[in-house]
Amino acid sequence: MQNLIKFLFIFFLYLLSINISFAQDGDNTNIVDVRQAAMQAMWARLDRLSTLIAQPGDIVTSSDGSTIVIGENNNTKPTEYYALVHGREAKQDALEISSLLSQVENFWKDNTSIHHVDYTNAETLIWLIPEAFKRYYTDAVIASENLNKSFNSEETSKIQRSVCMLALSCGRCHGGFRKVRFDNLRKEGRGWTGNYESCWIYRNEITIDSTAIRN
């Protein structure tokens, strides 16, 4: 099963790389399409990773669409019930997010703004203050790298904090640079905002020191 999942992801990256090669030839609509596909793929993985920070009583949706309630006396490690619920390793999702972030990092050319492609969700601010957008995007890249490192430590508290830092970095970037539409929020859930209840304890940490999101 794990080999099949890895094969499918590699195949997805292969198709994405083909689209990237076309997009880099200058077709701005191709760039936006690939960018959106990558972001959707990242969101799906981040939303699954939120299982790692689920609290007792929280409802988790498994890969087959069934719902599972986290028990009050659950003593199973989050990484273990993640594998049971989703049929894949959490660290695989984390690695794939890092890979997707790096693939579309430079996919924000001037000719891909709302002035050129009317269906993009990207705010004009990306191109008005590119330095700020670059900083926020880099925050997400570093947060994803830290998440991968946390899995090597096998410390639950580090893993959960890293999941939250990634969610909050994504949410902060989307809050400033992505159009918010009610239908999108209903369909895409909390992954776009990073608004997971378990992550609220880290908000003050970031408010006091914005660089904490990279630690």
N, C-alpha and C. Protein backbone atom coordinates (compact mmCIF):
# COMPACT_ATOMS: atom_id res chain seq x y z
N MET A 1 0.83 -1.20 0.00
CA MET A 1 0.00 0.00 0.00
C MET A 1 0.87 1.26 0.00
N GLN A 2 1.91 1.25 0.87
CA GLN A 2 2.80 2.40 0.94
C GLN A 2 3.52 2.61 -0.39
N ASN A 3 3.94 1.51 -1.03
CA ASN A 3 4.62 1.62 -2.33
C ASN A 3 3.70 2.20 -3.39
N LEU A 4 2.42 1.82 -3.33
CA LEU A 4 1.45 2.35 -4.29
C LEU A 4 1.28 3.85 -4.10
N ILE A 5 1.18 4.28 -2.84
CA ILE A 5 1.02 5.70 -2.53
C ILE A 5 2.21 6.49 -3.05
N LYS A 6 3.43 5.96 -2.78
CA LYS A 6 4.64 6.64 -3.25
C LYS A 6 4.68 6.71 -4.77
N PHE A 7 4.27 5.61 -5.43
CA PHE A 7 4.24 5.59 -6.90
C PHE A 7 3.28 6.64 -7.43
N LEU A 8 2.09 6.71 -6.83
CA LEU A 8 1.10 7.68 -7.29
C LEU A 8 1.59 9.10 -7.12
N PHE A 9 2.28 9.37 -5.98
CA PHE A 9 2.79 10.73 -5.77
C PHE A 9 3.89 11.05 -6.77
N ILE A 10 4.79 10.09 -7.01
CA ILE A 10 5.85 10.30 -8.00
C ILE A 10 5.25 10.56 -9.37
N PHE A 11 4.19 9.81 -9.70
CA PHE A 11 3.51 10.01 -10.98
C PHE A 11 2.87 11.40 -11.03
N PHE A 12 2.27 11.83 -9.88
CA PHE A 12 1.70 13.18 -9.81
C PHE A 12 2.78 14.23 -10.04
N LEU A 13 3.94 14.04 -9.39
CA LEU A 13 5.04 15.00 -9.57
C LEU A 13 5.53 15.00 -11.01
N TYR A 14 5.52 13.82 -11.64
CA TYR A 14 5.93 13.73 -13.04
C TYR A 14 5.00 14.55 -13.93
N LEU A 15 3.70 14.38 -13.72
CA LEU A 15 2.73 15.16 -14.50
C LEU A 15 2.87 16.65 -14.20
N LEU A 16 3.12 16.96 -12.90
CA LEU A 16 3.28 18.35 -12.52
C LEU A 16 4.52 18.94 -13.17
N SER A 17 5.60 18.14 -13.24
CA SER A 17 6.83 18.64 -13.85
C SER A 17 6.66 18.91 -15.33
N ILE A 18 5.82 18.07 -15.99
CA ILE A 18 5.53 18.31 -17.41
C ILE A 18 4.80 19.64 -17.57
N ASN A 19 3.80 19.85 -16.71
CA ASN A 19 3.07 21.12 -16.76
C ASN A 19 3.97 22.29 -16.43
N ILE A 20 4.90 22.08 -15.49
CA ILE A 20 5.83 23.14 -15.13
C ILE A 20 6.70 23.52 -16.32
N SER A 21 7.17 22.51 -17.07
CA SER A 21 8.02 22.80 -18.23
C SER A 21 7.25 23.60 -19.28
N PHE A 22 5.95 23.28 -19.46
CA PHE A 22 5.13 24.06 -20.38
C PHE A 22 4.91 25.46 -19.83
N ALA A 23 4.64 25.54 -18.53
CA ALA A 23 4.37 26.83 -17.91
C ALA A 23 5.56 27.75 -17.98
N GLN A 24 6.76 27.19 -17.83
CA GLN A 24 7.96 28.01 -17.85
C GLN A 24 8.26 28.56 -19.23
N ASP A 25 7.59 28.01 -20.24
CA ASP A 25 7.76 28.54 -21.59
C ASP A 25 7.05 29.87 -21.79
N GLY A 26 6.27 30.29 -20.76
CA GLY A 26 5.69 31.62 -20.84
C GLY A 26 4.18 31.68 -20.86
N ASP A 27 3.51 30.56 -20.85
CA ASP A 27 2.05 30.55 -20.86
C ASP A 27 1.55 30.87 -19.45
N ASN A 28 1.04 32.08 -19.26
CA ASN A 28 0.65 32.50 -17.91
C ASN A 28 -0.53 31.72 -17.36
N THR A 29 -1.44 31.26 -18.22
CA THR A 29 -2.56 30.47 -17.71
C THR A 29 -2.09 29.10 -17.24
N ASN A 30 -1.10 28.54 -17.94
CA ASN A 30 -0.52 27.28 -17.49
C ASN A 30 0.13 27.42 -16.13
N ILE A 31 0.83 28.53 -15.93
CA ILE A 31 1.50 28.78 -14.65
C ILE A 31 0.48 28.81 -13.52
N VAL A 32 -0.62 29.52 -13.73
CA VAL A 32 -1.65 29.63 -12.70
C VAL A 32 -2.30 28.28 -12.45
N ASP A 33 -2.57 27.52 -13.50
CA ASP A 33 -3.18 26.20 -13.34
C ASP A 33 -2.30 25.27 -12.51
N VAL A 34 -1.01 25.26 -12.82
CA VAL A 34 -0.08 24.41 -12.09
C VAL A 34 0.05 24.89 -10.64
N ARG A 35 0.12 26.19 -10.48
CA ARG A 35 0.22 26.78 -9.14
C ARG A 35 -0.97 26.38 -8.28
N GLN A 36 -2.17 26.48 -8.85
CA GLN A 36 -3.37 26.12 -8.11
C GLN A 36 -3.42 24.63 -7.80
N ALA A 37 -3.01 23.79 -8.75
CA ALA A 37 -3.00 22.35 -8.52
C ALA A 37 -2.05 21.99 -7.38
N ALA A 38 -0.89 22.64 -7.37
CA ALA A 38 0.09 22.38 -6.31
C ALA A 38 -0.43 22.83 -4.95
N MET A 39 -1.07 23.99 -4.91
CA MET A 39 -1.61 24.50 -3.65
C MET A 39 -2.73 23.60 -3.13
N GLN A 40 -3.57 23.12 -4.03
CA GLN A 40 -4.64 22.20 -3.62
C GLN A 40 -4.06 20.91 -3.06
N ALA A 41 -3.00 20.42 -3.70
CA ALA A 41 -2.34 19.19 -3.23
C ALA A 41 -1.72 19.42 -1.85
N MET A 42 -1.13 20.59 -1.65
CA MET A 42 -0.56 20.91 -0.34
C MET A 42 -1.64 21.00 0.72
N TRP A 43 -2.77 21.64 0.36
CA TRP A 43 -3.85 21.78 1.32
C TRP A 43 -4.37 20.42 1.78
N ALA A 44 -4.53 19.49 0.83
CA ALA A 44 -5.05 18.16 1.17
C ALA A 44 -4.14 17.48 2.18
N ARG A 45 -2.83 17.64 1.99
CA ARG A 45 -1.88 17.01 2.91
C ARG A 45 -1.84 17.72 4.25
N LEU A 46 -1.90 19.04 4.24
CA LEU A 46 -1.89 19.77 5.51
C LEU A 46 -3.15 19.47 6.31
N ASP A 47 -4.27 19.35 5.63
CA ASP A 47 -5.51 19.04 6.33
C ASP A 47 -5.44 17.65 6.95
N ARG A 48 -4.80 16.70 6.25
CA ARG A 48 -4.60 15.38 6.84
C ARG A 48 -3.66 15.46 8.05
N LEU A 49 -2.61 16.27 7.94
CA LEU A 49 -1.64 16.39 9.02
C LEU A 49 -2.26 16.97 10.29
N SER A 50 -3.38 17.67 10.14
CA SER A 50 -4.05 18.22 11.32
C SER A 50 -4.54 17.10 12.25
N THR A 51 -4.60 15.86 11.74
CA THR A 51 -4.93 14.72 12.59
C THR A 51 -3.93 14.59 13.74
N LEU A 52 -2.69 14.99 13.49
CA LEU A 52 -1.63 14.87 14.50
C LEU A 52 -1.86 15.81 15.69
N ILE A 53 -2.66 16.86 15.48
CA ILE A 53 -2.89 17.82 16.57
C ILE A 53 -4.34 17.76 17.06
N ALA A 54 -5.04 16.72 16.64
CA ALA A 54 -6.44 16.56 17.07
C ALA A 54 -6.51 16.32 18.57
N GLN A 55 -7.51 16.89 19.20
CA GLN A 55 -7.71 16.76 20.63
C GLN A 55 -8.81 15.73 20.91
N PRO A 56 -8.83 15.18 22.14
CA PRO A 56 -9.90 14.24 22.48
C PRO A 56 -11.28 14.84 22.20
N GLY A 57 -12.12 14.08 21.51
CA GLY A 57 -13.45 14.56 21.14
C GLY A 57 -13.52 15.13 19.74
N ASP A 58 -12.35 15.44 19.15
CA ASP A 58 -12.32 15.96 17.77
C ASP A 58 -12.73 14.86 16.79
N ILE A 59 -13.37 15.27 15.71
CA ILE A 59 -13.77 14.33 14.66
C ILE A 59 -12.78 14.43 13.51
N VAL A 60 -12.23 13.29 13.14
CA VAL A 60 -11.25 13.22 12.06
C VAL A 60 -11.86 12.46 10.89
N THR A 61 -11.68 12.98 9.68
CA THR A 61 -12.18 12.30 8.49
C THR A 61 -11.07 11.49 7.85
N SER A 62 -11.31 10.21 7.69
CA SER A 62 -10.30 9.32 7.12
C SER A 62 -10.24 9.46 5.61
N SER A 63 -9.27 8.79 5.01
CA SER A 63 -9.09 8.87 3.56
C SER A 63 -10.27 8.32 2.77
N ASP A 64 -11.02 7.38 3.39
CA ASP A 64 -12.17 6.81 2.67
C ASP A 64 -13.46 7.58 2.94
N GLY A 65 -13.34 8.71 3.67
CA GLY A 65 -14.51 9.56 3.92
C GLY A 65 -15.25 9.28 5.20
N SER A 66 -14.88 8.22 5.90
CA SER A 66 -15.54 7.92 7.17
C SER A 66 -15.01 8.83 8.28
N THR A 67 -15.82 9.03 9.31
CA THR A 67 -15.42 9.91 10.41
C THR A 67 -15.09 9.10 11.65
N ILE A 68 -14.06 9.58 12.36
CA ILE A 68 -13.57 8.91 13.56
C ILE A 68 -13.45 9.94 14.66
N VAL A 69 -13.93 9.62 15.85
CA VAL A 69 -13.84 10.53 16.99
C VAL A 69 -12.63 10.12 17.83
N ILE A 70 -11.75 11.10 18.12
CA ILE A 70 -10.60 10.83 18.96
C ILE A 70 -11.07 10.61 20.40
N GLY A 71 -10.76 9.44 20.96
CA GLY A 71 -11.24 9.07 22.28
C GLY A 71 -10.58 9.85 23.40
N GLU A 72 -11.28 9.95 24.51
CA GLU A 72 -10.76 10.66 25.68
C GLU A 72 -9.54 9.96 26.27
N ASN A 73 -9.51 8.65 26.22
CA ASN A 73 -8.42 7.88 26.83
C ASN A 73 -7.50 7.29 25.76
N ASN A 74 -7.31 8.05 24.70
CA ASN A 74 -6.48 7.58 23.60
C ASN A 74 -5.00 7.68 23.98
N ASN A 75 -4.31 6.55 24.05
CA ASN A 75 -2.89 6.53 24.41
C ASN A 75 -1.99 6.20 23.22
N THR A 76 -2.59 6.11 22.04
CA THR A 76 -1.81 5.82 20.84
C THR A 76 -1.07 7.06 20.38
N LYS A 77 0.17 6.88 19.95
CA LYS A 77 0.95 8.03 19.45
C LYS A 77 0.26 8.60 18.21
N PRO A 78 0.24 9.93 18.08
CA PRO A 78 -0.42 10.56 16.93
C PRO A 78 0.04 10.02 15.58
N THR A 79 1.35 9.76 15.45
CA THR A 79 1.85 9.24 14.17
C THR A 79 1.30 7.84 13.87
N GLU A 80 1.03 7.08 14.94
CA GLU A 80 0.51 5.73 14.75
C GLU A 80 -0.96 5.75 14.34
N TYR A 81 -1.78 6.59 15.03
CA TYR A 81 -3.19 6.60 14.60
C TYR A 81 -3.38 7.36 13.30
N TYR A 82 -2.42 8.21 12.96
CA TYR A 82 -2.44 8.85 11.63
C TYR A 82 -2.37 7.78 10.55
N ALA A 83 -1.41 6.86 10.71
CA ALA A 83 -1.25 5.78 9.72
C ALA A 83 -2.50 4.89 9.67
N LEU A 84 -3.11 4.66 10.83
CA LEU A 84 -4.31 3.84 10.87
C LEU A 84 -5.50 4.52 10.20
N VAL A 85 -5.62 5.82 10.43
CA VAL A 85 -6.76 6.58 9.89
C VAL A 85 -6.62 6.81 8.40
N HIS A 86 -5.41 7.21 7.97
CA HIS A 86 -5.24 7.65 6.57
C HIS A 86 -4.56 6.61 5.67
N GLY A 87 -4.03 5.54 6.27
CA GLY A 87 -3.41 4.52 5.44
C GLY A 87 -2.10 4.95 4.82
N ARG A 88 -1.43 5.91 5.44
CA ARG A 88 -0.13 6.38 4.95
C ARG A 88 0.61 7.04 6.10
N GLU A 89 1.91 7.19 5.94
CA GLU A 89 2.73 7.79 6.99
C GLU A 89 2.62 9.31 6.95
N ALA A 90 2.54 9.91 8.12
CA ALA A 90 2.45 11.37 8.19
C ALA A 90 3.69 12.03 7.60
N LYS A 91 4.85 11.44 7.84
CA LYS A 91 6.09 12.05 7.33
C LYS A 91 6.13 12.07 5.81
N GLN A 92 5.39 11.15 5.17
CA GLN A 92 5.32 11.17 3.71
C GLN A 92 4.56 12.41 3.23
N ASP A 93 3.45 12.72 3.90
CA ASP A 93 2.71 13.94 3.56
C ASP A 93 3.57 15.18 3.77
N ALA A 94 4.35 15.19 4.86
CA ALA A 94 5.22 16.34 5.15
C ALA A 94 6.28 16.51 4.07
N LEU A 95 6.87 15.41 3.63
CA LEU A 95 7.89 15.46 2.57
C LEU A 95 7.28 15.97 1.26
N GLU A 96 6.06 15.54 0.98
CA GLU A 96 5.41 15.95 -0.26
C GLU A 96 5.06 17.44 -0.25
N ILE A 97 4.69 17.97 0.92
CA ILE A 97 4.42 19.41 1.01
C ILE A 97 5.69 20.20 0.72
N SER A 98 6.82 19.77 1.29
CA SER A 98 8.09 20.44 1.03
C SER A 98 8.44 20.42 -0.45
N SER A 99 8.21 19.27 -1.07
CA SER A 99 8.51 19.13 -2.50
C SER A 99 7.64 20.06 -3.34
N LEU A 100 6.35 20.12 -3.02
CA LEU A 100 5.43 20.98 -3.77
C LEU A 100 5.75 22.45 -3.56
N LEU A 101 6.09 22.84 -2.34
CA LEU A 101 6.45 24.24 -2.07
C LEU A 101 7.65 24.67 -2.91
N SER A 102 8.63 23.80 -3.01
CA SER A 102 9.85 24.16 -3.76
C SER A 102 9.58 24.22 -5.26
N GLN A 103 8.66 23.40 -5.75
CA GLN A 103 8.40 23.35 -7.19
C GLN A 103 7.72 24.60 -7.72
N VAL A 104 6.89 25.25 -6.90
CA VAL A 104 6.16 26.42 -7.40
C VAL A 104 6.62 27.72 -6.73
N GLU A 105 7.77 27.67 -6.08
CA GLU A 105 8.26 28.86 -5.37
C GLU A 105 8.44 30.06 -6.28
N ASN A 106 8.82 29.82 -7.53
CA ASN A 106 9.07 30.92 -8.47
C ASN A 106 7.95 31.07 -9.50
N PHE A 107 6.76 30.60 -9.14
CA PHE A 107 5.63 30.64 -10.07
C PHE A 107 4.73 31.85 -9.84
N TRP A 108 5.33 33.00 -9.59
CA TRP A 108 4.53 34.20 -9.30
C TRP A 108 4.98 35.35 -10.19
N LYS A 109 5.07 35.05 -11.48
CA LYS A 109 5.54 36.05 -12.45
C LYS A 109 4.52 37.18 -12.61
N ASP A 110 5.01 38.31 -13.08
CA ASP A 110 4.15 39.50 -13.23
C ASP A 110 2.93 39.22 -14.10
N ASN A 111 3.09 38.38 -15.12
CA ASN A 111 1.98 38.14 -16.05
C ASN A 111 1.00 37.08 -15.56
N THR A 112 1.10 36.72 -14.25
CA THR A 112 0.15 35.75 -13.69
C THR A 112 -0.75 36.39 -12.64
N SER A 113 -0.76 37.72 -12.57
CA SER A 113 -1.61 38.41 -11.61
C SER A 113 -3.05 38.47 -12.12
N ILE A 114 -3.93 39.01 -11.30
CA ILE A 114 -5.34 39.13 -11.65
C ILE A 114 -5.55 40.01 -12.88
N HIS A 115 -4.59 40.86 -13.17
CA HIS A 115 -4.70 41.74 -14.34
C HIS A 115 -4.48 40.96 -15.64
N HIS A 116 -3.90 39.77 -15.53
CA HIS A 116 -3.62 38.97 -16.73
C HIS A 116 -4.44 37.68 -16.76
N VAL A 117 -4.71 37.11 -15.58
CA VAL A 117 -5.47 35.86 -15.48
C VAL A 117 -6.59 36.08 -14.48
N ASP A 118 -7.82 36.19 -14.96
CA ASP A 118 -8.91 36.66 -14.10
C ASP A 118 -9.39 35.65 -13.07
N TYR A 119 -8.99 34.37 -13.19
CA TYR A 119 -9.50 33.38 -12.24
C TYR A 119 -8.50 33.03 -11.13
N THR A 120 -7.38 33.75 -11.07
CA THR A 120 -6.44 33.47 -10.00
C THR A 120 -6.97 33.98 -8.66
N ASN A 121 -6.64 33.27 -7.58
CA ASN A 121 -7.03 33.69 -6.23
C ASN A 121 -5.94 34.53 -5.57
N ALA A 122 -4.85 34.75 -6.29
CA ALA A 122 -3.73 35.50 -5.72
C ALA A 122 -4.06 37.00 -5.69
N GLU A 123 -3.79 37.62 -4.54
CA GLU A 123 -4.02 39.05 -4.38
C GLU A 123 -2.94 39.85 -5.12
N THR A 124 -3.32 41.05 -5.57
CA THR A 124 -2.39 41.93 -6.27
C THR A 124 -1.21 42.31 -5.38
N LEU A 125 -1.40 42.26 -4.06
CA LEU A 125 -0.33 42.61 -3.13
C LEU A 125 0.93 41.79 -3.35
N ILE A 126 0.79 40.60 -3.88
CA ILE A 126 1.97 39.76 -4.16
C ILE A 126 2.95 40.49 -5.05
N TRP A 127 2.42 41.23 -6.02
CA TRP A 127 3.28 41.91 -6.97
C TRP A 127 3.57 43.36 -6.57
N LEU A 128 2.76 43.89 -5.66
CA LEU A 128 3.01 45.25 -5.17
C LEU A 128 4.08 45.27 -4.09
N ILE A 129 4.08 44.23 -3.23
CA ILE A 129 5.11 44.14 -2.18
C ILE A 129 5.72 42.73 -2.22
N PRO A 130 6.48 42.46 -3.28
CA PRO A 130 7.03 41.10 -3.46
C PRO A 130 7.97 40.66 -2.35
N GLU A 131 8.66 41.62 -1.71
CA GLU A 131 9.59 41.25 -0.64
C GLU A 131 8.83 40.63 0.54
N ALA A 132 7.66 41.21 0.86
CA ALA A 132 6.85 40.69 1.96
C ALA A 132 6.33 39.29 1.61
N PHE A 133 5.84 39.14 0.38
CA PHE A 133 5.34 37.83 -0.04
C PHE A 133 6.45 36.79 0.01
N LYS A 134 7.64 37.16 -0.45
CA LYS A 134 8.79 36.25 -0.44
C LYS A 134 9.11 35.82 0.99
N ARG A 135 9.04 36.75 1.92
CA ARG A 135 9.34 36.44 3.32
C ARG A 135 8.32 35.45 3.88
N TYR A 136 7.04 35.69 3.60
CA TYR A 136 5.99 34.80 4.10
C TYR A 136 6.10 33.41 3.47
N TYR A 137 6.40 33.38 2.17
CA TYR A 137 6.54 32.10 1.49
C TYR A 137 7.73 31.34 2.05
N THR A 138 8.82 32.06 2.30
CA THR A 138 10.01 31.43 2.88
C THR A 138 9.72 30.89 4.27
N ASP A 139 8.88 31.60 5.02
CA ASP A 139 8.46 31.10 6.33
C ASP A 139 7.83 29.71 6.20
N ALA A 140 6.95 29.57 5.20
CA ALA A 140 6.28 28.28 4.99
C ALA A 140 7.26 27.20 4.58
N VAL A 141 8.22 27.56 3.73
CA VAL A 141 9.24 26.59 3.30
C VAL A 141 10.05 26.10 4.50
N ILE A 142 10.50 27.05 5.33
CA ILE A 142 11.31 26.68 6.50
C ILE A 142 10.47 25.88 7.50
N ALA A 143 9.21 26.28 7.68
CA ALA A 143 8.32 25.54 8.59
C ALA A 143 8.13 24.11 8.12
N SER A 144 8.04 23.92 6.81
CA SER A 144 7.87 22.56 6.29
C SER A 144 9.14 21.74 6.48
N GLU A 145 10.29 22.39 6.33
CA GLU A 145 11.57 21.71 6.57
C GLU A 145 11.70 21.30 8.04
N ASN A 146 11.28 22.20 8.93
CA ASN A 146 11.34 21.90 10.36
C ASN A 146 10.41 20.74 10.72
N LEU A 147 9.27 20.67 10.03
CA LEU A 147 8.34 19.57 10.27
C LEU A 147 8.99 18.24 9.91
N ASN A 148 9.68 18.22 8.79
CA ASN A 148 10.37 16.99 8.38
C ASN A 148 11.43 16.59 9.42
N LYS A 149 12.14 17.57 9.95
CA LYS A 149 13.16 17.29 10.97
C LYS A 149 12.51 16.76 12.25
N SER A 150 11.34 17.29 12.58
CA SER A 150 10.68 16.87 13.82
C SER A 150 10.30 15.39 13.79
N PHE A 151 9.98 14.87 12.62
CA PHE A 151 9.64 13.45 12.52
C PHE A 151 10.85 12.58 12.84
N ASN A 152 12.04 13.09 12.51
CA ASN A 152 13.24 12.33 12.84
C ASN A 152 13.47 12.26 14.35
N SER A 153 13.01 13.28 15.06
CA SER A 153 13.18 13.30 16.51
C SER A 153 12.21 12.34 17.21
N GLU A 154 11.09 12.07 16.54
CA GLU A 154 10.04 11.19 17.07
C GLU A 154 9.46 11.71 18.39
N GLU A 155 9.61 13.01 18.64
CA GLU A 155 9.04 13.62 19.84
C GLU A 155 7.68 14.23 19.48
N THR A 156 6.64 13.73 20.11
CA THR A 156 5.27 14.15 19.78
C THR A 156 5.10 15.66 19.91
N SER A 157 5.62 16.25 20.98
CA SER A 157 5.45 17.69 21.20
C SER A 157 6.10 18.50 20.08
N LYS A 158 7.26 18.08 19.61
CA LYS A 158 7.94 18.78 18.52
C LYS A 158 7.17 18.64 17.21
N ILE A 159 6.67 17.45 16.97
CA ILE A 159 5.90 17.20 15.74
C ILE A 159 4.65 18.07 15.73
N GLN A 160 3.93 18.10 16.85
CA GLN A 160 2.69 18.87 16.92
C GLN A 160 2.96 20.36 16.78
N ARG A 161 4.01 20.85 17.43
CA ARG A 161 4.36 22.27 17.29
C ARG A 161 4.71 22.59 15.84
N SER A 162 5.45 21.70 15.19
CA SER A 162 5.86 21.93 13.80
C SER A 162 4.68 21.92 12.84
N VAL A 163 3.71 21.03 13.11
CA VAL A 163 2.48 21.03 12.30
C VAL A 163 1.78 22.38 12.43
N CYS A 164 1.70 22.88 13.66
CA CYS A 164 1.03 24.16 13.90
C CYS A 164 1.78 25.31 13.24
N MET A 165 3.10 25.29 13.32
CA MET A 165 3.89 26.37 12.71
C MET A 165 3.72 26.38 11.19
N LEU A 166 3.63 25.20 10.60
CA LEU A 166 3.38 25.14 9.16
C LEU A 166 1.98 25.65 8.84
N ALA A 167 1.00 25.21 9.63
CA ALA A 167 -0.39 25.66 9.41
C ALA A 167 -0.50 27.17 9.57
N LEU A 168 0.15 27.71 10.61
CA LEU A 168 0.07 29.15 10.86
C LEU A 168 0.81 29.95 9.79
N SER A 169 1.92 29.42 9.30
CA SER A 169 2.65 30.12 8.24
C SER A 169 1.84 30.15 6.96
N CYS A 170 1.17 29.02 6.65
CA CYS A 170 0.30 28.99 5.47
C CYS A 170 -0.88 29.95 5.65
N GLY A 171 -1.48 29.91 6.84
CA GLY A 171 -2.62 30.78 7.10
C GLY A 171 -2.27 32.25 7.05
N ARG A 172 -1.10 32.61 7.57
CA ARG A 172 -0.68 34.01 7.55
C ARG A 172 -0.43 34.49 6.13
N CYS A 173 0.18 33.63 5.32
CA CYS A 173 0.43 33.99 3.92
C CYS A 173 -0.89 34.12 3.16
N HIS A 174 -1.80 33.19 3.37
CA HIS A 174 -3.10 33.26 2.70
C HIS A 174 -3.90 34.46 3.17
N GLY A 175 -3.77 34.80 4.48
CA GLY A 175 -4.50 35.94 5.00
C GLY A 175 -4.10 37.24 4.32
N GLY A 176 -2.84 37.34 3.92
CA GLY A 176 -2.37 38.58 3.31
C GLY A 176 -2.38 38.57 1.79
N PHE A 177 -2.25 37.38 1.20
CA PHE A 177 -1.99 37.34 -0.23
C PHE A 177 -2.94 36.45 -1.03
N ARG A 178 -3.99 35.97 -0.41
CA ARG A 178 -4.94 35.13 -1.14
C ARG A 178 -6.36 35.65 -0.95
N LYS A 179 -7.09 35.72 -2.05
CA LYS A 179 -8.48 36.16 -1.97
C LYS A 179 -9.29 35.16 -1.16
N VAL A 180 -10.08 35.68 -0.24
CA VAL A 180 -10.93 34.83 0.59
C VAL A 180 -12.34 34.83 0.02
N ARG A 181 -12.81 33.67 -0.34
CA ARG A 181 -14.15 33.53 -0.89
C ARG A 181 -14.90 32.53 -0.04
N PHE A 182 -16.13 32.85 0.27
CA PHE A 182 -16.92 32.02 1.18
C PHE A 182 -17.03 30.59 0.68
N ASP A 183 -17.26 30.42 -0.63
CA ASP A 183 -17.41 29.07 -1.16
C ASP A 183 -16.12 28.28 -1.04
N ASN A 184 -14.97 28.98 -1.17
CA ASN A 184 -13.69 28.30 -1.01
C ASN A 184 -13.49 27.84 0.42
N LEU A 185 -13.82 28.70 1.37
CA LEU A 185 -13.64 28.35 2.78
C LEU A 185 -14.52 27.16 3.16
N ARG A 186 -15.73 27.13 2.63
CA ARG A 186 -16.63 26.00 2.92
C ARG A 186 -16.07 24.71 2.34
N LYS A 187 -15.50 24.80 1.16
CA LYS A 187 -15.01 23.61 0.47
C LYS A 187 -13.64 23.17 0.99
N GLU A 188 -12.78 24.14 1.28
CA GLU A 188 -11.39 23.83 1.57
C GLU A 188 -11.08 23.75 3.06
N GLY A 189 -11.97 24.25 3.88
CA GLY A 189 -11.81 24.10 5.32
C GLY A 189 -10.73 24.97 5.93
N ARG A 190 -10.19 24.48 7.05
CA ARG A 190 -9.30 25.31 7.87
C ARG A 190 -7.87 25.36 7.35
N GLY A 191 -7.53 24.49 6.42
CA GLY A 191 -6.15 24.44 5.95
C GLY A 191 -5.64 25.74 5.36
N TRP A 192 -6.56 26.51 4.73
CA TRP A 192 -6.14 27.77 4.13
C TRP A 192 -5.89 28.84 5.17
N THR A 193 -6.48 28.71 6.34
CA THR A 193 -6.35 29.75 7.36
C THR A 193 -5.41 29.36 8.49
N GLY A 194 -5.12 28.08 8.64
CA GLY A 194 -4.30 27.63 9.75
C GLY A 194 -5.01 27.75 11.07
N ASN A 195 -6.33 27.88 11.01
CA ASN A 195 -7.13 28.16 12.20
C ASN A 195 -7.53 26.87 12.92
N TYR A 196 -6.54 26.12 13.37
CA TYR A 196 -6.78 24.91 14.14
C TYR A 196 -6.74 25.27 15.62
N GLU A 197 -7.72 24.79 16.36
CA GLU A 197 -7.82 25.15 17.77
C GLU A 197 -6.55 24.80 18.55
N SER A 198 -5.96 23.67 18.21
CA SER A 198 -4.75 23.24 18.92
C SER A 198 -3.56 24.16 18.69
N CYS A 199 -3.64 24.98 17.66
CA CYS A 199 -2.51 25.85 17.31
C CYS A 199 -2.63 27.24 17.95
N TRP A 200 -3.74 27.51 18.60
CA TRP A 200 -3.93 28.85 19.17
C TRP A 200 -2.86 29.18 20.20
N ILE A 201 -2.35 28.19 20.90
CA ILE A 201 -1.36 28.45 21.95
C ILE A 201 -0.06 29.02 21.38
N TYR A 202 0.14 28.86 20.07
CA TYR A 202 1.38 29.36 19.46
C TYR A 202 1.21 30.75 18.84
N ARG A 203 -0.02 31.24 18.79
CA ARG A 203 -0.26 32.54 18.16
C ARG A 203 0.46 33.67 18.89
N ASN A 204 0.40 33.65 20.22
CA ASN A 204 1.08 34.70 20.98
C ASN A 204 2.58 34.65 20.77
N GLU A 205 3.10 33.45 20.66
CA GLU A 205 4.53 33.29 20.42
C GLU A 205 4.95 33.97 19.12
N ILE A 206 4.12 33.82 18.11
CA ILE A 206 4.42 34.43 16.80
C ILE A 206 4.17 35.94 16.84
N THR A 207 3.15 36.37 17.59
CA THR A 207 2.85 37.80 17.71
C THR A 207 4.03 38.54 18.34
N ILE A 208 4.61 37.93 19.37
CA ILE A 208 5.74 38.54 20.07
C ILE A 208 7.00 38.53 19.20
N ASP A 209 7.20 37.42 18.54
CA ASP A 209 8.41 37.25 17.70
C ASP A 209 8.03 36.50 16.43
N SER A 210 7.88 37.24 15.34
CA SER A 210 7.40 36.64 14.08
C SER A 210 8.37 35.59 13.56
N THR A 211 9.65 35.67 13.93
CA THR A 211 10.62 34.70 13.44
C THR A 211 10.48 33.34 14.12
N ALA A 212 9.66 33.29 15.19
CA ALA A 212 9.44 32.02 15.91
C ALA A 212 8.85 30.96 14.99
N ILE A 213 8.18 31.40 13.94
CA ILE A 213 7.55 30.47 13.02
C ILE A 213 8.59 29.65 12.27
N ARG A 214 9.84 30.13 12.29
CA ARG A 214 10.93 29.41 11.60
C ARG A 214 11.71 28.51 12.54
N ASN A 215 11.35 28.51 13.80
CA ASN A 215 12.12 27.73 14.80
C ASN A 215 11.45 26.40 15.11
